[in-house]
PDB file of N, CA and C in Angstrom:
ATOM      1  N   MET A   1     115.720  87.574 126.172  1.00  0.00           N
ATOM      2  CA  MET A   1     115.399  88.973 126.361  1.00  0.00           C
ATOM      3  C   MET A   1     116.673  89.781 126.096  1.00  0.00           C
ATOM      4  N   ASN A   2     116.575  90.754 125.193  1.00  0.00           N
ATOM      5  CA  ASN A   2     117.772  91.529 124.870  1.00  0.00           C
ATOM      6  C   ASN A   2     118.039  92.618 125.915  1.00  0.00           C
ATOM      7  N   GLN A   3     119.226  93.170 125.866  1.00  0.00           N
ATOM      8  CA  GLN A   3     119.667  94.149 126.871  1.00  0.00           C
ATOM      9  C   GLN A   3     118.803  95.410 126.873  1.00  0.00           C
ATOM     10  N   GLU A   4     118.427  95.894 125.700  1.00  0.00           N
ATOM     11  CA  GLU A   4     117.605  97.112 125.652  1.00  0.00           C
ATOM     12  C   GLU A   4     116.246  96.891 126.303  1.00  0.00           C
ATOM     13  N   PHE A   5     115.638  95.738 126.035  1.00  0.00           N
ATOM     14  CA  PHE A   5     114.348  95.432 126.649  1.00  0.00           C
ATOM     15  C   PHE A   5     114.506  95.330 128.159  1.00  0.00           C
ATOM     16  N   ARG A   6     115.563  94.675 128.594  1.00  0.00           N
ATOM     17  CA  ARG A   6     115.843  94.551 130.027  1.00  0.00           C
ATOM     18  C   ARG A   6     115.996  95.938 130.664  1.00  0.00           C
ATOM     19  N   GLN A   7     116.680  96.840 129.956  1.00  0.00           N
ATOM     20  CA  GLN A   7     116.869  98.191 130.472  1.00  0.00           C
ATOM     21  C   GLN A   7     115.526  98.932 130.558  1.00  0.00           C
ATOM     22  N   CYS A   8     114.664  98.735 129.565  1.00  0.00           N
ATOM     23  CA  CYS A   8     113.330  99.348 129.603  1.00  0.00           C
ATOM     24  C   CYS A   8     112.533  98.842 130.799  1.00  0.00           C
ATOM     25  N   LEU A   9     112.674  97.557 131.107  1.00  0.00           N
ATOM     26  CA  LEU A   9     112.010  97.014 132.297  1.00  0.00           C
ATOM     27  C   LEU A   9     112.586  97.612 133.574  1.00  0.00           C
ATOM     28  N   GLU A  10     113.909  97.693 133.642  1.00  0.00           N
ATOM     29  CA  GLU A  10     114.567  98.219 134.845  1.00  0.00           C
ATOM     30  C   GLU A  10     114.204  99.676 135.107  1.00  0.00           C
ATOM     31  N   THR A  11     114.053 100.464 134.042  1.00  0.00           N
ATOM     32  CA  THR A  11     113.713 101.885 134.196  1.00  0.00           C
ATOM     33  C   THR A  11     112.201 102.115 134.227  1.00  0.00           C
ATOM     34  N   LYS A  12     111.438 101.011 134.203  1.00  0.00           N
ATOM     35  CA  LYS A  12     109.977 101.034 134.274  1.00  0.00           C
ATOM     36  C   LYS A  12     109.330 101.780 133.109  1.00  0.00           C
ATOM     37  N   LYS A  13     110.024 101.733 131.962  1.00  0.00           N
ATOM     38  CA  LYS A  13     109.441 102.304 130.753  1.00  0.00           C
ATOM     39  C   LYS A  13     108.659 101.253 129.986  1.00  0.00           C
ATOM     40  N   ILE A  14     108.819 100.008 130.405  1.00  0.00           N
ATOM     41  CA  ILE A  14     107.929  98.907 130.054  1.00  0.00           C
ATOM     42  C   ILE A  14     107.645  98.216 131.373  1.00  0.00           C
ATOM     43  N   ILE A  15     106.363  97.972 131.609  1.00  0.00           N
ATOM     44  CA  ILE A  15     105.977  97.349 132.876  1.00  0.00           C
ATOM     45  C   ILE A  15     105.096  96.126 132.603  1.00  0.00           C
ATOM     46  N   PRO A  16     105.132  95.159 133.510  1.00  0.00           N
ATOM     47  CA  PRO A  16     104.189  94.050 133.397  1.00  0.00           C
ATOM     48  C   PRO A  16     102.766  94.600 133.496  1.00  0.00           C
ATOM     49  N   PHE A  17     101.856  94.027 132.708  1.00  0.00           N
ATOM     50  CA  PHE A  17     100.492  94.550 132.633  1.00  0.00           C
ATOM     51  C   PHE A  17      99.543  93.384 132.365  1.00  0.00           C
ATOM     52  N   ALA A  18      99.133  92.727 133.436  1.00  0.00           N
ATOM     53  CA  ALA A  18      98.302  91.535 133.317  1.00  0.00           C
ATOM     54  C   ALA A  18      96.974  91.823 132.615  1.00  0.00           C
ATOM     55  N   ARG A  19      96.402  93.002 132.815  1.00  0.00           N
ATOM     56  CA  ARG A  19      95.116  93.349 132.191  1.00  0.00           C
ATOM     57  C   ARG A  19      95.228  93.542 130.689  1.00  0.00           C
ATOM     58  N   GLY A  20      96.444  93.652 130.183  1.00  0.00           N
ATOM     59  CA  GLY A  20      96.641  93.943 128.771  1.00  0.00           C
ATOM     60  C   GLY A  20      95.979  92.959 127.834  1.00  0.00           C
ATOM     61  N   LYS A  21      96.018  91.698 128.177  1.00  0.00           N
ATOM     62  CA  LYS A  21      95.439  90.688 127.281  1.00  0.00           C
ATOM     63  C   LYS A  21      93.950  90.922 127.064  1.00  0.00           C
ATOM     64  N   ASN A  22      93.294  91.523 128.045  1.00  0.00           N
ATOM     65  CA  ASN A  22      91.870  91.833 127.909  1.00  0.00           C
ATOM     66  C   ASN A  22      91.619  93.079 127.063  1.00  0.00           C
ATOM     67  N   LEU A  23      92.650  93.833 126.767  1.00  0.00           N
ATOM     68  CA  LEU A  23      92.504  95.091 126.029  1.00  0.00           C
ATOM     69  C   LEU A  23      92.980  95.005 124.582  1.00  0.00           C
ATOM     70  N   VAL A  24      93.447  93.850 124.160  1.00  0.00           N
ATOM     71  CA  VAL A  24      93.988  93.698 122.806  1.00  0.00           C
ATOM     72  C   VAL A  24      92.933  94.039 121.754  1.00  0.00           C
ATOM     73  N   LYS A  25      91.741  93.488 121.883  1.00  0.00           N
ATOM     74  CA  LYS A  25      90.690  93.746 120.889  1.00  0.00           C
ATOM     75  C   LYS A  25      90.337  95.228 120.819  1.00  0.00           C
ATOM     76  N   LYS A  26      90.285  95.887 121.969  1.00  0.00           N
ATOM     77  CA  LYS A  26      89.983  97.324 122.000  1.00  0.00           C
ATOM     78  C   LYS A  26      91.059  98.108 121.263  1.00  0.00           C
ATOM     79  N   GLU A  27      92.326  97.801 121.528  1.00  0.00           N
ATOM     80  CA  GLU A  27      93.425  98.510 120.865  1.00  0.00           C
ATOM     81  C   GLU A  27      93.404  98.285 119.353  1.00  0.00           C
ATOM     82  N   LEU A  28      93.096  97.060 118.935  1.00  0.00           N
ATOM     83  CA  LEU A  28      93.025  96.786 117.497  1.00  0.00           C
ATOM     84  C   LEU A  28      91.843  97.521 116.855  1.00  0.00           C
ATOM     85  N   SER A  29      90.761  97.642 117.582  1.00  0.00           N
ATOM     86  CA  SER A  29      89.612  98.392 117.072  1.00  0.00           C
ATOM     87  C   SER A  29      89.961  99.868 116.895  1.00  0.00           C
ATOM     88  N   VAL A  30      90.660 100.424 117.862  1.00  0.00           N
ATOM     89  CA  VAL A  30      91.102 101.821 117.761  1.00  0.00           C
ATOM     90  C   VAL A  30      92.070 101.975 116.585  1.00  0.00           C
ATOM     91  N   ALA A  31      92.958 101.015 116.411  1.00  0.00           N
ATOM     92  CA  ALA A  31      93.914 101.067 115.290  1.00  0.00           C
ATOM     93  C   ALA A  31      93.176 101.054 113.956  1.00  0.00           C
ATOM     94  N   ARG A  32      92.177 100.197 113.840  1.00  0.00           N
ATOM     95  CA  ARG A  32      91.395 100.140 112.585  1.00  0.00           C
ATOM     96  C   ARG A  32      90.677 101.454 112.324  1.00  0.00           C
ATOM     97  N   SER A  33      90.101 102.020 113.364  1.00  0.00           N
ATOM     98  CA  SER A  33      89.395 103.296 113.227  1.00  0.00           C
ATOM     99  C   SER A  33      90.352 104.408 112.802  1.00  0.00           C
ATOM    100  N   ASP A  34      91.505 104.468 113.435  1.00  0.00           N
ATOM    101  CA  ASP A  34      92.501 105.484 113.075  1.00  0.00           C
ATOM    102  C   ASP A  34      92.989 105.303 111.644  1.00  0.00           C
ATOM    103  N   LEU A  35      93.171 104.053 111.223  1.00  0.00           N
ATOM    104  CA  LEU A  35      93.608 103.802 109.856  1.00  0.00           C
ATOM    105  C   LEU A  35      92.537 104.239 108.858  1.00  0.00           C
ATOM    106  N   SER A  36      91.287 103.975 109.174  1.00  0.00           N
ATOM    107  CA  SER A  36      90.188 104.412 108.313  1.00  0.00           C
ATOM    108  C   SER A  36      90.167 105.936 108.205  1.00  0.00           C
ATOM    109  N   ASP A  37      90.354 106.617 109.333  1.00  0.00           N
ATOM    110  CA  ASP A  37      90.403 108.083 109.330  1.00  0.00           C
ATOM    111  C   ASP A  37      91.591 108.584 108.522  1.00  0.00           C
ATOM    112  N   ALA A  38      92.713 107.888 108.618  1.00  0.00           N
ATOM    113  CA  ALA A  38      93.905 108.281 107.857  1.00  0.00           C
ATOM    114  C   ALA A  38      93.651 108.168 106.359  1.00  0.00           C
ATOM    115  N   LYS A  39      93.019 107.092 105.951  1.00  0.00           N
ATOM    116  CA  LYS A  39      92.701 106.914 104.530  1.00  0.00           C
ATOM    117  C   LYS A  39      91.754 108.001 104.039  1.00  0.00           C
ATOM    118  N   ALA A  40      90.731 108.304 104.833  1.00  0.00           N
ATOM    119  CA  ALA A  40      89.769 109.345 104.452  1.00  0.00           C
ATOM    120  C   ALA A  40      90.459 110.701 104.354  1.00  0.00           C
ATOM    121  N   GLY A  41      91.320 111.002 105.309  1.00  0.00           N
ATOM    122  CA  GLY A  41      92.056 112.266 105.271  1.00  0.00           C
ATOM    123  C   GLY A  41      92.942 112.365 104.047  1.00  0.00           C
ATOM    124  N   TYR A  42      93.586 111.268 103.698  1.00  0.00           N
ATOM    125  CA  TYR A  42      94.448 111.249 102.521  1.00  0.00           C
ATOM    126  C   TYR A  42      93.630 111.491 101.251  1.00  0.00           C
ATOM    127  N   GLU A  43      92.500 110.821 101.162  1.00  0.00           N
ATOM    128  CA  GLU A  43      91.635 110.992  99.987  1.00  0.00           C
ATOM    129  C   GLU A  43      91.116 112.422  99.859  1.00  0.00           C
ATOM    130  N   ASN A  44      90.990 113.114 100.986  1.00  0.00           N
ATOM    131  CA  ASN A  44      90.524 114.505 100.995  1.00  0.00           C
ATOM    132  C   ASN A  44      91.679 115.502 101.013  1.00  0.00           C
ATOM    133  N   GLU A  45      92.871 115.016 100.724  1.00  0.00           N
ATOM    134  CA  GLU A  45      94.087 115.826 100.667  1.00  0.00           C
ATOM    135  C   GLU A  45      94.401 116.543 101.970  1.00  0.00           C
ATOM    136  N   ARG A  46      94.031 115.931 103.073  1.00  0.00           N
ATOM    137  CA  ARG A  46      94.372 116.456 104.400  1.00  0.00           C
ATOM    138  C   ARG A  46      95.569 115.639 104.890  1.00  0.00           C
ATOM    139  N   TYR A  47      96.707 115.888 104.265  1.00  0.00           N
ATOM    140  CA  TYR A  47      97.887 115.043 104.451  1.00  0.00           C
ATOM    141  C   TYR A  47      98.465 115.099 105.859  1.00  0.00           C
ATOM    142  N   LYS A  48      98.495 116.264 106.463  1.00  0.00           N
ATOM    143  CA  LYS A  48      99.041 116.369 107.815  1.00  0.00           C
ATOM    144  C   LYS A  48      98.190 115.532 108.777  1.00  0.00           C
ATOM    145  N   TRP A  49      96.883 115.699 108.717  1.00  0.00           N
ATOM    146  CA  TRP A  49      95.987 114.942 109.589  1.00  0.00           C
ATOM    147  C   TRP A  49      96.072 113.452 109.280  1.00  0.00           C
ATOM    148  N   SER A  50      96.172 113.112 108.012  1.00  0.00           N
ATOM    149  CA  SER A  50      96.281 111.722 107.597  1.00  0.00           C
ATOM    150  C   SER A  50      97.538 111.079 108.184  1.00  0.00           C
ATOM    151  N   THR A  51      98.624 111.801 108.171  1.00  0.00           N
ATOM    152  CA  THR A  51      99.881 111.287 108.734  1.00  0.00           C
ATOM    153  C   THR A  51      99.744 111.039 110.233  1.00  0.00           C
ATOM    154  N   ILE A  52      99.111 111.960 110.929  1.00  0.00           N
ATOM    155  CA  ILE A  52      98.909 111.810 112.376  1.00  0.00           C
ATOM    156  C   ILE A  52      98.043 110.593 112.670  1.00  0.00           C
ATOM    157  N   GLN A  53      96.960 110.438 111.935  1.00  0.00           N
ATOM    158  CA  GLN A  53      96.071 109.301 112.155  1.00  0.00           C
ATOM    159  C   GLN A  53      96.765 107.982 111.813  1.00  0.00           C
ATOM    160  N   ALA A  54      97.570 107.973 110.761  1.00  0.00           N
ATOM    161  CA  ALA A  54      98.307 106.753 110.403  1.00  0.00           C
ATOM    162  C   ALA A  54      99.294 106.386 111.518  1.00  0.00           C
ATOM    163  N   TYR A  55      99.952 107.387 112.080  1.00  0.00           N
ATOM    164  CA  TYR A  55     100.866 107.140 113.196  1.00  0.00           C
ATOM    165  C   TYR A  55     100.116 106.492 114.365  1.00  0.00           C
ATOM    166  N   TYR A  56      98.966 107.042 114.713  1.00  0.00           N
ATOM    167  CA  TYR A  56      98.211 106.486 115.834  1.00  0.00           C
ATOM    168  C   TYR A  56      97.686 105.091 115.525  1.00  0.00           C
ATOM    169  N   ALA A  57      97.353 104.812 114.274  1.00  0.00           N
ATOM    170  CA  ALA A  57      96.945 103.455 113.897  1.00  0.00           C
ATOM    171  C   ALA A  57      98.085 102.480 114.188  1.00  0.00           C
ATOM    172  N   MET A  58      99.304 102.857 113.800  1.00  0.00           N
ATOM    173  CA  MET A  58     100.464 102.002 114.062  1.00  0.00           C
ATOM    174  C   MET A  58     100.734 101.877 115.560  1.00  0.00           C
ATOM    175  N   PHE A  59     100.605 102.975 116.286  1.00  0.00           N
ATOM    176  CA  PHE A  59     100.845 102.970 117.729  1.00  0.00           C
ATOM    177  C   PHE A  59      99.894 101.996 118.428  1.00  0.00           C
ATOM    178  N   HIS A  60      98.605 102.084 118.108  1.00  0.00           N
ATOM    179  CA  HIS A  60      97.635 101.218 118.786  1.00  0.00           C
ATOM    180  C   HIS A  60      97.791  99.757 118.377  1.00  0.00           C
ATOM    181  N   ALA A  61      98.169  99.504 117.141  1.00  0.00           N
ATOM    182  CA  ALA A  61      98.435  98.117 116.721  1.00  0.00           C
ATOM    183  C   ALA A  61      99.652  97.562 117.468  1.00  0.00           C
ATOM    184  N   ALA A  62     100.689  98.373 117.605  1.00  0.00           N
ATOM    185  CA  ALA A  62     101.890  97.959 118.342  1.00  0.00           C
ATOM    186  C   ALA A  62     101.561  97.727 119.810  1.00  0.00           C
ATOM    187  N   ARG A  63     100.758  98.599 120.363  1.00  0.00           N
ATOM    188  CA  ARG A  63     100.365  98.466 121.764  1.00  0.00           C
ATOM    189  C   ARG A  63      99.578  97.156 121.964  1.00  0.00           C
ATOM    190  N   ALA A  64      98.708  96.830 121.023  1.00  0.00           N
ATOM    191  CA  ALA A  64      97.954  95.574 121.118  1.00  0.00           C
ATOM    192  C   ALA A  64      98.914  94.385 121.172  1.00  0.00           C
ATOM    193  N   LEU A  65      99.969  94.440 120.379  1.00  0.00           N
ATOM    194  CA  LEU A  65     100.937  93.346 120.352  1.00  0.00           C
ATOM    195  C   LEU A  65     101.638  93.187 121.702  1.00  0.00           C
ATOM    196  N   ILE A  66     102.100  94.286 122.281  1.00  0.00           N
ATOM    197  CA  ILE A  66     102.797  94.115 123.568  1.00  0.00           C
ATOM    198  C   ILE A  66     101.809  93.822 124.697  1.00  0.00           C
ATOM    199  N   TYR A  67     100.577  94.320 124.587  1.00  0.00           N
ATOM    200  CA  TYR A  67      99.556  93.935 125.564  1.00  0.00           C
ATOM    201  C   TYR A  67      99.360  92.419 125.532  1.00  0.00           C
ATOM    202  N   SER A  68      99.343  91.859 124.338  1.00  0.00           N
ATOM    203  CA  SER A  68      99.128  90.414 124.211  1.00  0.00           C
ATOM    204  C   SER A  68     100.245  89.613 124.875  1.00  0.00           C
ATOM    205  N   GLN A  69     101.397  90.251 125.073  1.00  0.00           N
ATOM    206  CA  GLN A  69     102.530  89.607 125.723  1.00  0.00           C
ATOM    207  C   GLN A  69     102.613  89.928 127.214  1.00  0.00           C
ATOM    208  N   GLY A  70     101.625  90.706 127.713  1.00  0.00           N
ATOM    209  CA  GLY A  70     101.563  90.996 129.147  1.00  0.00           C
ATOM    210  C   GLY A  70     102.375  92.189 129.596  1.00  0.00           C
ATOM    211  N   TYR A  71     102.644  93.116 128.680  1.00  0.00           N
ATOM    212  CA  TYR A  71     103.416  94.325 129.017  1.00  0.00           C
ATOM    213  C   TYR A  71     102.673  95.577 128.563  1.00  0.00           C
ATOM    214  N   ARG A  72     103.082  96.696 129.146  1.00  0.00           N
ATOM    215  CA  ARG A  72     102.579  98.006 128.745  1.00  0.00           C
ATOM    216  C   ARG A  72     103.757  98.961 128.642  1.00  0.00           C
ATOM    217  N   GLU A  73     103.726  99.811 127.640  1.00  0.00           N
ATOM    218  CA  GLU A  73     104.806 100.769 127.422  1.00  0.00           C
ATOM    219  C   GLU A  73     104.556 102.057 128.204  1.00  0.00           C
ATOM    220  N   LYS A  74     105.623 102.704 128.574  1.00  0.00           N
ATOM    221  CA  LYS A  74     105.588 104.039 129.168  1.00  0.00           C
ATOM    222  C   LYS A  74     106.473 104.975 128.362  1.00  0.00           C
ATOM    223  N   SER A  75     106.927 104.490 127.199  1.00  0.00           N
ATOM    224  CA  SER A  75     107.854 105.231 126.356  1.00  0.00           C
ATOM    225  C   SER A  75     107.706 104.728 124.923  1.00  0.00           C
ATOM    226  N   HIS A  76     107.642 105.644 123.981  1.00  0.00           N
ATOM    227  CA  HIS A  76     107.542 105.245 122.575  1.00  0.00           C
ATOM    228  C   HIS A  76     108.824 104.508 122.144  1.00  0.00           C
ATOM    229  N   TYR A  77     109.954 104.931 122.661  1.00  0.00           N
ATOM    230  CA  TYR A  77     111.212 104.252 122.346  1.00  0.00           C
ATOM    231  C   TYR A  77     111.155 102.802 122.809  1.00  0.00           C
ATOM    232  N   CYS A  78     110.714 102.592 124.040  1.00  0.00           N
ATOM    233  CA  CYS A  78     110.669 101.224 124.561  1.00  0.00           C
ATOM    234  C   CYS A  78     109.587 100.400 123.878  1.00  0.00           C
ATOM    235  N   LEU A  79     108.551 101.033 123.377  1.00  0.00           N
ATOM    236  CA  LEU A  79     107.569 100.308 122.574  1.00  0.00           C
ATOM    237  C   LEU A  79     108.257  99.764 121.314  1.00  0.00           C
ATOM    238  N   ALA A  80     109.078 100.577 120.684  1.00  0.00           N
ATOM    239  CA  ALA A  80     109.837 100.137 119.501  1.00  0.00           C
ATOM    240  C   ALA A  80     110.792  99.015 119.863  1.00  0.00           C
ATOM    241  N   VAL A  81     111.436  99.110 121.006  1.00  0.00           N
ATOM    242  CA  VAL A  81     112.349  98.055 121.466  1.00  0.00           C
ATOM    243  C   VAL A  81     111.562  96.747 121.635  1.00  0.00           C
ATOM    244  N   ALA A  82     110.374  96.821 122.222  1.00  0.00           N
ATOM    245  CA  ALA A  82     109.569  95.622 122.450  1.00  0.00           C
ATOM    246  C   ALA A  82     109.119  94.975 121.144  1.00  0.00           C
ATOM    247  N   LEU A  83     109.026  95.753 120.072  1.00  0.00           N
ATOM    248  CA  LEU A  83     108.563  95.225 118.785  1.00  0.00           C
ATOM    249  C   LEU A  83     109.665  94.547 117.982  1.00  0.00           C
ATOM    250  N   ARG A  84     110.901  94.815 118.272  1.00  0.00           N
ATOM    251  CA  ARG A  84     112.002  94.308 117.451  1.00  0.00           C
ATOM    252  C   ARG A  84     111.982  92.808 117.195  1.00  0.00           C
ATOM    253  N   PRO A  85     111.648  91.969 118.183  1.00  0.00           N
ATOM    254  CA  PRO A  85     111.624  90.540 117.883  1.00  0.00           C
ATOM    255  C   PRO A  85     110.584  90.142 116.828  1.00  0.00           C
ATOM    256  N   TYR A  86     109.618  91.004 116.574  1.00  0.00           N
ATOM    257  CA  TYR A  86     108.549  90.692 115.622  1.00  0.00           C
ATOM    258  C   TYR A  86     108.826  91.224 114.231  1.00  0.00           C
ATOM    259  N   LEU A  87     109.911  91.969 114.073  1.00  0.00           N
ATOM    260  CA  LEU A  87     110.211  92.564 112.769  1.00  0.00           C
ATOM    261  C   LEU A  87     111.066  91.665 111.925  1.00  0.00           C
TER     262      LEU A  87
END
């Protein structure tokens, strides 16, 4: 466990979340839906909305990954910290 992740745990910006494993499929479903909306927005030249939807697709996919590991984020920064070992 790296120091940044440890700090996120200490400041409770990442918390243990036993229920997370049961929510992985839901988060991935939301990510797929957001990605589909992003593609549709892009095709309709709604670039601002498409960018927002693409961001949320990535957010929910990332959340599914940390849920699968038994954690939940309380900070977008700490969510990024939790993803580093997978990059």
